[in-house]
């Protein structure tokens, strides 16, 4: 009986510690790596975030995460990810224009 009680208390303490840690950190997944970035405020919002396919609008919608990345010297991720989506859109548009030009001939 005491053994079950002690086990339950230990499991609850471990769960509480994990939740406390999750409240204070972002886990950010990029195309190259995973990062753990501290949050400015304790919240469960955006605890696990995959930013591989994010656009500049996505970074605007998640201002706290964007600011945390910048504050922790990961501003290159914001620029690289957002810039890559813009570059991909430009390449796609250029491809469409070139195809249209070649179809006209």
Protein backbone atom coordinates (compact mmCIF):
# COMPACT_ATOMS: atom_id res chain seq x y z
CA UNK A 1 0.00 0.00 0.00
CA UNK A 2 2.74 2.46 0.96
CA UNK A 3 4.78 1.39 -2.07
CA UNK A 4 1.88 2.27 -4.43
CA UNK A 5 1.41 5.61 -2.71
CA UNK A 6 5.10 6.47 -3.01
CA UNK A 7 5.13 5.37 -6.67
CA UNK A 8 2.08 7.52 -7.40
CA UNK A 9 3.60 10.56 -5.69
CA UNK A 10 6.86 10.11 -7.62
CA UNK A 11 5.01 9.78 -10.95
CA UNK A 12 2.93 12.88 -10.18
CA UNK A 13 6.08 14.81 -9.30
CA UNK A 14 7.76 13.74 -12.55
CA UNK A 15 4.66 14.70 -14.54
CA UNK A 16 4.51 18.08 -12.83
CA UNK A 17 8.21 18.67 -13.52
CA UNK A 18 7.74 17.78 -17.21
CA UNK A 19 4.74 20.12 -17.47
CA UNK A 20 6.66 22.92 -15.76
CA UNK A 21 9.54 22.45 -18.21
CA UNK A 22 7.12 22.44 -21.19
CA UNK A 23 5.55 25.68 -19.98
CA UNK A 24 8.93 27.41 -20.18
CA UNK A 25 10.40 26.12 -23.46
CA UNK A 26 9.75 25.89 -27.18
CA UNK A 27 10.83 22.80 -29.08
CA UNK A 28 11.45 24.09 -32.61
CA UNK A 29 11.93 21.72 -35.54
CA UNK A 30 13.69 23.11 -38.61
CA UNK A 31 14.80 21.47 -41.83
CA UNK A 32 18.26 20.92 -40.34
CA UNK A 33 17.86 20.46 -36.59
CA UNK A 34 15.76 20.64 -33.44
CA UNK A 35 16.18 23.49 -30.98
CA UNK A 36 15.06 24.12 -27.46
CA UNK A 37 14.42 27.82 -26.90
CA UNK A 38 13.29 29.35 -23.60
CA UNK A 39 9.92 31.13 -23.56
CA UNK A 40 9.50 34.65 -22.20
CA UNK A 41 6.27 33.68 -20.42
CA UNK A 42 4.98 30.42 -19.02
CA UNK A 43 2.39 29.04 -21.47
CA UNK A 44 1.65 25.86 -23.39
CA UNK A 45 1.19 27.80 -26.62
CA UNK A 46 3.57 26.66 -29.37
CA UNK A 47 5.47 24.26 -27.11
CA UNK A 48 6.26 22.01 -30.10
CA UNK A 49 6.58 23.83 -33.43
CA UNK A 50 7.66 22.62 -36.88
CA UNK A 51 8.75 25.71 -38.84
CA UNK A 52 10.04 23.93 -41.97
CA UNK A 53 7.28 25.25 -44.23
CA UNK A 54 6.49 28.52 -42.50
CA UNK A 55 5.87 31.71 -44.43
CA UNK A 56 6.50 35.26 -43.20
CA UNK A 57 2.81 35.42 -42.23
CA UNK A 58 3.25 32.39 -39.96
CA UNK A 59 6.07 34.15 -38.12
CA UNK A 60 3.84 37.23 -37.75
CA UNK A 61 1.07 35.08 -36.24
CA UNK A 62 3.49 33.60 -33.67
CA UNK A 63 5.16 36.79 -32.45
CA UNK A 64 6.26 35.37 -29.08
CA UNK A 65 8.05 32.45 -30.73
CA UNK A 66 9.63 34.71 -33.35
CA UNK A 67 10.85 37.08 -30.62
CA UNK A 68 12.22 34.17 -28.58
CA UNK A 69 14.16 32.90 -31.61
CA UNK A 70 15.61 36.35 -32.21
CA UNK A 71 16.44 36.91 -28.53
CA UNK A 72 18.30 33.60 -28.38
CA UNK A 73 20.49 34.23 -31.45
CA UNK A 74 18.43 32.17 -33.91
CA UNK A 75 17.25 35.07 -36.08
CA UNK A 76 18.85 33.32 -39.04
CA UNK A 77 16.09 30.68 -38.80
CA UNK A 78 13.40 33.31 -39.11
CA UNK A 79 15.06 34.92 -42.11
CA UNK A 80 16.11 31.64 -43.75
CA UNK A 81 12.72 29.95 -43.37
CA UNK A 82 10.68 33.00 -44.37
CA UNK A 83 13.12 33.91 -47.14
CA UNK A 84 13.10 30.38 -48.51
CA UNK A 85 9.32 30.39 -48.86
CA UNK A 86 9.49 33.70 -50.73
CA UNK A 87 12.29 32.36 -52.95
CA UNK A 88 10.28 29.21 -53.68
CA UNK A 89 7.26 31.32 -54.66
CA UNK A 90 9.42 33.45 -56.99
CA UNK A 91 10.94 30.32 -58.60
CA UNK A 92 7.47 28.84 -59.11
CA UNK A 93 6.18 32.05 -60.69
CA UNK A 94 9.25 32.29 -62.94
CA UNK A 95 8.76 28.68 -64.01
CA UNK A 96 5.13 29.38 -64.89
CA UNK A 97 6.12 32.44 -66.92
CA UNK A 98 8.85 30.55 -68.79
CA UNK A 99 6.47 27.69 -69.54
CA UNK A 100 3.85 30.14 -70.76
CA UNK A 101 6.43 31.83 -73.04
CA UNK A 102 7.58 28.49 -74.47
CA UNK A 103 3.96 27.40 -75.05
CA UNK A 104 3.25 30.59 -77.01
CA UNK A 105 6.04 29.86 -79.51
